[in-house]
Amino acid sequence: MPGSREARLAAVRGRIAALEAGTRTPSAVLPFGDARVDDCLPGRGLSLGRWHELTGTGMEVETGAATAGFAALLALPLAASGAVVWILRRDDLYAPGLETLGFPARRLIQVRVRDETAALMALEDALGSAGVAAVMAEVEDIDLTAGRRLQLACEKHGATGFVIGRRPFGGTARKAATGSAAATRWRVSACASDPPAGEPGLGPPRWTAALERCRGGRPGEWTFEQRQEADHGSHPLAVAAGLGGDGVAAERLRLRA
């Protein structure tokens, strides 16, 4: 049967990707539903039960607004299966704003911490807690040892982590870590929306997202927008029409990685 053949092929691809990434077993994945993105990811989707790193550009490193919005839509499909914990050092997460993106605030648990050390401790505890589907955490950086601890916490109950690189009080950036245990690393920036033809106002929110590093996959860069059609089976992020992957940018990212 064609369906079973495709399922077997997907399972084999997952096992190969897991071996390439150095993991013991293949993880479940959350596909974007667009081959331009999914083909860059091991198992053809965003790995679940692992943690992912997202950083901004310019002032976004301090404010974190665009990165947080993109991360919220990445995690949105997981909110149906459990609680989503959001760990932050500044009390500036605007839950009604997340509601406008379709993120269910009733599933959200906000945790305010005093410093970077407390943020990492709360992140590890939340990832290892039963009933938690995803954890969002705003931290400045994570070294390799802390990253491995986070991965072990993810594997305990299958939670997925989204680490948003942010310096919430400004200051000088710390020295970049020499390695990372993250499954993927994304660099996100805001992008101008495209209003519908003949209609005033703004169109769906857009982001430019560069997949800079992917264990068992390859880099790429796309312009995403929030999907508007009422198809709950689709990923809430879609590649903007006419603005798919940039081959030159993808090659530049590959060389950089």
Protein backbone atom coordinates (compact mmCIF):
# COMPACT_ATOMS: atom_id res chain seq x y z
CA MET A 1 0.00 0.00 0.00
CA PRO A 2 1.38 3.46 -0.88
CA GLY A 3 0.55 4.86 2.56
CA SER A 4 2.39 2.15 4.45
CA ARG A 5 5.36 2.48 2.09
CA GLU A 6 5.56 6.21 2.81
CA ALA A 7 5.34 5.53 6.53
CA ARG A 8 8.21 3.03 6.32
CA LEU A 9 10.31 5.48 4.33
CA ALA A 10 9.63 8.23 6.89
CA ALA A 11 10.66 5.89 9.72
CA VAL A 12 13.90 5.00 7.94
CA ARG A 13 14.67 8.66 7.32
CA GLY A 14 14.06 9.36 11.01
CA ARG A 15 16.47 6.61 12.07
CA ILE A 16 19.14 7.87 9.68
CA ALA A 17 18.70 11.43 10.90
CA ALA A 18 18.95 10.26 14.50
CA LEU A 19 22.21 8.45 13.78
CA GLU A 20 23.62 11.51 12.00
CA ALA A 21 22.60 13.72 14.91
CA GLY A 22 24.17 11.39 17.46
CA THR A 23 20.91 10.55 19.26
CA ARG A 24 19.90 7.11 20.47
CA THR A 25 16.40 7.02 19.00
CA PRO A 26 14.54 9.10 16.43
CA SER A 27 12.16 11.65 17.89
CA ALA A 28 8.69 12.60 16.78
CA VAL A 29 8.59 15.62 14.53
CA LEU A 30 6.27 18.54 13.87
CA PRO A 31 6.30 19.20 10.10
CA PHE A 32 5.78 22.65 8.64
CA GLY A 33 3.96 21.10 5.71
CA ASP A 34 6.29 22.74 3.18
CA ALA A 35 9.05 20.67 1.58
CA ARG A 36 11.31 23.73 1.31
CA VAL A 37 11.53 23.78 5.11
CA ASP A 38 10.88 20.15 6.06
CA ASP A 39 13.59 18.82 3.74
CA CYS A 40 16.18 20.75 5.77
CA LEU A 41 15.10 19.13 9.03
CA PRO A 42 15.87 15.56 10.22
CA GLY A 43 12.76 13.41 9.96
CA ARG A 44 11.23 16.19 7.81
CA GLY A 45 9.97 18.28 10.70
CA LEU A 46 10.93 20.11 13.87
CA SER A 47 12.17 17.53 16.38
CA LEU A 48 9.99 17.13 19.47
CA GLY A 49 11.32 16.03 22.82
CA ARG A 50 14.40 18.19 22.22
CA TRP A 51 15.22 21.86 22.73
CA HIS A 52 15.66 24.56 20.11
CA GLU A 53 17.51 27.86 20.26
CA LEU A 54 16.14 31.12 18.83
CA THR A 55 17.94 34.45 18.76
CA GLY A 56 17.06 37.88 17.40
CA THR A 57 18.96 40.62 15.63
CA GLY A 58 19.70 44.21 16.67
CA MET A 59 17.45 45.51 19.43
CA GLU A 60 15.52 42.24 19.37
CA VAL A 61 18.32 40.77 21.49
CA GLU A 62 17.07 43.05 24.26
CA THR A 63 13.33 43.29 23.61
CA GLY A 64 12.75 39.77 22.27
CA ALA A 65 9.33 40.67 20.81
CA ALA A 66 9.67 39.28 17.28
CA THR A 67 11.52 36.18 18.46
CA ALA A 68 8.88 35.52 21.12
CA GLY A 69 6.06 35.77 18.57
CA PHE A 70 7.78 33.36 16.21
CA ALA A 71 8.53 30.94 19.06
CA ALA A 72 4.91 31.09 20.24
CA LEU A 73 3.66 29.97 16.83
CA LEU A 74 6.28 27.21 16.72
CA ALA A 75 4.96 25.92 20.04
CA LEU A 76 1.26 26.53 19.32
CA PRO A 77 0.45 23.01 18.03
CA LEU A 78 1.93 21.53 21.22
CA ALA A 79 -0.38 23.53 23.49
CA ALA A 80 -3.22 21.12 22.67
CA SER A 81 -1.42 18.28 24.46
CA GLY A 82 -0.34 19.97 27.70
CA ALA A 83 0.70 23.08 29.54
CA VAL A 84 3.19 25.58 28.11
CA VAL A 85 5.54 27.17 30.65
CA TRP A 86 7.09 30.55 29.80
CA ILE A 87 10.11 31.56 31.92
CA LEU A 88 11.12 35.21 31.87
CA ARG A 89 13.20 37.67 33.86
CA ARG A 90 11.17 40.77 32.98
CA ASP A 91 7.44 40.84 33.60
CA ASP A 92 6.66 42.01 30.07
CA LEU A 93 5.03 39.03 28.37
CA TYR A 94 1.65 40.27 27.07
CA ALA A 95 -0.74 37.32 27.15
CA PRO A 96 -3.54 39.10 25.18
CA GLY A 97 -0.99 39.63 22.42
CA LEU A 98 -0.37 35.90 22.31
CA GLU A 99 -4.14 35.37 22.10
CA THR A 100 -4.20 37.46 18.90
CA LEU A 101 -1.74 34.94 17.45
CA GLY A 102 -4.12 32.14 18.38
CA PHE A 103 -2.07 30.98 21.37
CA PRO A 104 -4.40 29.76 24.17
CA ALA A 105 -3.53 31.83 27.26
CA ARG A 106 -5.39 29.30 29.44
CA ARG A 107 -2.62 26.82 28.66
CA LEU A 108 0.11 29.28 29.63
CA ILE A 109 2.02 29.26 32.92
CA GLN A 110 4.28 32.30 33.40
CA VAL A 111 7.29 32.01 35.70
CA ARG A 112 9.23 35.13 36.67
CA VAL A 113 12.81 34.51 37.88
CA ARG A 114 15.41 36.82 39.37
CA ASP A 115 18.53 35.98 37.33
CA GLU A 116 20.08 33.80 34.66
CA THR A 117 20.93 30.96 37.03
CA ALA A 118 17.36 30.76 38.28
CA ALA A 119 16.08 30.82 34.69
CA LEU A 120 18.18 27.79 33.76
CA MET A 121 17.10 25.92 36.90
CA ALA A 122 13.42 26.67 36.22
CA LEU A 123 13.84 25.64 32.57
CA GLU A 124 15.33 22.28 33.50
CA ASP A 125 12.67 21.64 36.16
CA ALA A 126 9.80 22.54 33.82
CA LEU A 127 11.10 20.36 30.98
CA GLY A 128 11.25 17.40 33.35
CA SER A 129 7.72 17.91 34.73
CA ALA A 130 4.80 15.67 33.80
CA GLY A 131 1.95 17.38 31.94
CA VAL A 132 4.19 20.02 30.32
CA ALA A 133 4.18 19.94 26.52
CA ALA A 134 6.56 22.83 25.86
CA VAL A 135 8.73 25.28 27.75
CA MET A 136 9.72 28.74 26.53
CA ALA A 137 12.61 30.38 28.32
CA GLU A 138 14.30 33.74 27.85
CA VAL A 139 17.98 33.32 28.70
CA GLU A 140 21.18 34.99 27.58
CA ASP A 141 23.22 31.93 26.68
CA ILE A 142 23.60 28.24 27.47
CA ASP A 143 26.90 26.41 27.61
CA LEU A 144 27.37 22.86 26.41
CA THR A 145 27.06 21.27 29.86
CA ALA A 146 23.79 23.08 30.63
CA GLY A 147 22.51 22.20 27.17
CA ARG A 148 23.07 18.51 27.75
CA ARG A 149 21.23 18.70 31.07
CA LEU A 150 18.30 20.34 29.28
CA GLN A 151 18.22 17.55 26.71
CA LEU A 152 18.06 14.93 29.46
CA ALA A 153 15.18 16.85 31.01
CA CYS A 154 13.37 16.92 27.64
CA GLU A 155 13.71 13.15 27.33
CA LYS A 156 12.19 12.53 30.77
CA HIS A 157 8.59 13.23 29.69
CA GLY A 158 8.99 14.21 26.03
CA ALA A 159 8.62 17.98 26.51
CA THR A 160 10.01 20.34 23.86
CA GLY A 161 12.07 23.38 24.79
CA PHE A 162 12.32 26.75 23.00
CA VAL A 163 15.17 28.85 24.35
CA ILE A 164 14.87 32.51 23.35
CA GLY A 165 18.23 34.26 23.50
CA ARG A 166 17.60 37.58 25.22
CA ARG A 167 19.46 40.17 27.30
CA PRO A 168 16.39 41.69 28.99
CA PHE A 169 18.28 44.52 30.69
CA GLY A 170 20.72 45.35 27.89
CA GLY A 171 24.42 45.37 28.63
CA THR A 172 27.31 43.73 26.84
CA ALA A 173 26.88 40.36 25.19
CA ARG A 174 28.68 37.48 26.80
CA LYS A 175 31.30 35.52 24.94
CA ALA A 176 29.61 33.11 22.55
CA ALA A 177 29.55 29.47 23.63
CA THR A 178 31.86 27.15 21.72
CA GLY A 179 29.22 24.45 21.31
CA SER A 180 25.54 23.78 21.72
CA ALA A 181 23.36 20.77 22.44
CA ALA A 182 20.35 22.41 20.75
CA ALA A 183 18.62 20.41 18.02
CA THR A 184 18.26 23.57 15.91
CA ARG A 185 19.40 27.16 16.09
CA TRP A 186 17.31 29.90 14.44
CA ARG A 187 17.98 33.61 13.93
CA VAL A 188 14.71 35.52 13.69
CA SER A 189 13.88 39.08 12.65
CA ALA A 190 10.64 40.96 12.01
CA CYS A 191 9.53 41.41 8.41
CA ALA A 192 7.06 43.85 6.85
CA SER A 193 3.59 42.39 6.41
CA ASP A 194 1.74 42.34 3.10
CA PRO A 195 -1.83 43.71 3.34
CA PRO A 196 -4.44 41.85 1.28
CA ALA A 197 -5.06 43.43 -2.12
CA GLY A 198 -7.57 46.26 -1.95
CA GLU A 199 -7.80 46.19 1.85
CA PRO A 200 -6.38 48.82 4.21
CA GLY A 201 -4.29 48.02 7.26
CA LEU A 202 -1.78 45.30 8.02
CA GLY A 203 -1.53 41.79 6.72
CA PRO A 204 -0.56 38.65 8.67
CA PRO A 205 2.60 39.05 10.76
CA ARG A 206 5.82 37.97 9.06
CA TRP A 207 9.27 36.91 10.16
CA THR A 208 12.52 36.19 8.37
CA ALA A 209 13.96 33.05 9.98
CA ALA A 210 17.39 31.64 9.23
CA LEU A 211 18.01 28.05 10.28
CA GLU A 212 21.70 28.49 11.11
CA ARG A 213 22.37 25.07 12.59
CA CYS A 214 20.50 21.78 12.56
CA ARG A 215 21.71 18.48 13.97
CA GLY A 216 21.32 15.93 11.19
CA GLY A 217 19.91 18.52 8.78
CA ARG A 218 21.06 21.50 6.77
CA PRO A 219 20.67 25.30 7.03
CA GLY A 220 18.19 27.44 5.16
CA GLU A 221 16.41 30.79 5.26
CA TRP A 222 12.76 31.65 4.68
CA THR A 223 10.17 34.36 5.17
CA PHE A 224 7.30 32.99 7.25
CA GLU A 225 3.87 34.45 7.88
CA GLN A 226 1.08 33.39 10.18
CA ARG A 227 -1.28 31.07 8.38
CA GLN A 228 -4.76 32.56 8.17
CA GLU A 229 -6.95 29.78 6.81
CA ALA A 230 -9.03 27.87 9.36
CA ASP A 231 -7.31 24.54 8.78
CA HIS A 232 -6.38 23.32 12.25
CA GLY A 233 -4.36 20.48 10.76
CA SER A 234 -1.89 22.92 9.22
CA HIS A 235 1.15 24.39 10.90
CA PRO A 236 0.41 27.97 12.03
CA LEU A 237 3.56 29.19 10.23
CA ALA A 238 3.67 29.14 6.43
CA VAL A 239 6.33 30.24 3.97
CA ALA A 240 5.09 33.54 2.53
CA ALA A 241 3.89 33.26 -1.05
CA GLY A 242 6.65 34.11 -3.50
CA LEU A 243 9.19 34.43 -0.69
CA GLY A 244 10.58 30.94 -0.23
CA GLY A 245 14.14 29.90 0.46
CA ASP A 246 16.91 32.06 -0.89
CA GLY A 247 19.51 29.74 -2.42
CA VAL A 248 22.33 32.23 -2.02
CA ALA A 249 21.43 32.85 1.63
CA ALA A 250 21.15 29.13 2.30
CA GLU A 251 24.59 28.51 0.83
CA ARG A 252 26.03 31.35 2.91
CA LEU A 253 24.51 29.81 6.04
CA ARG A 254 25.88 26.39 5.13
CA LEU A 255 29.41 27.76 4.79
CA ARG A 256 29.06 29.68 8.06
CA ALA A 257 27.86 26.54 9.89
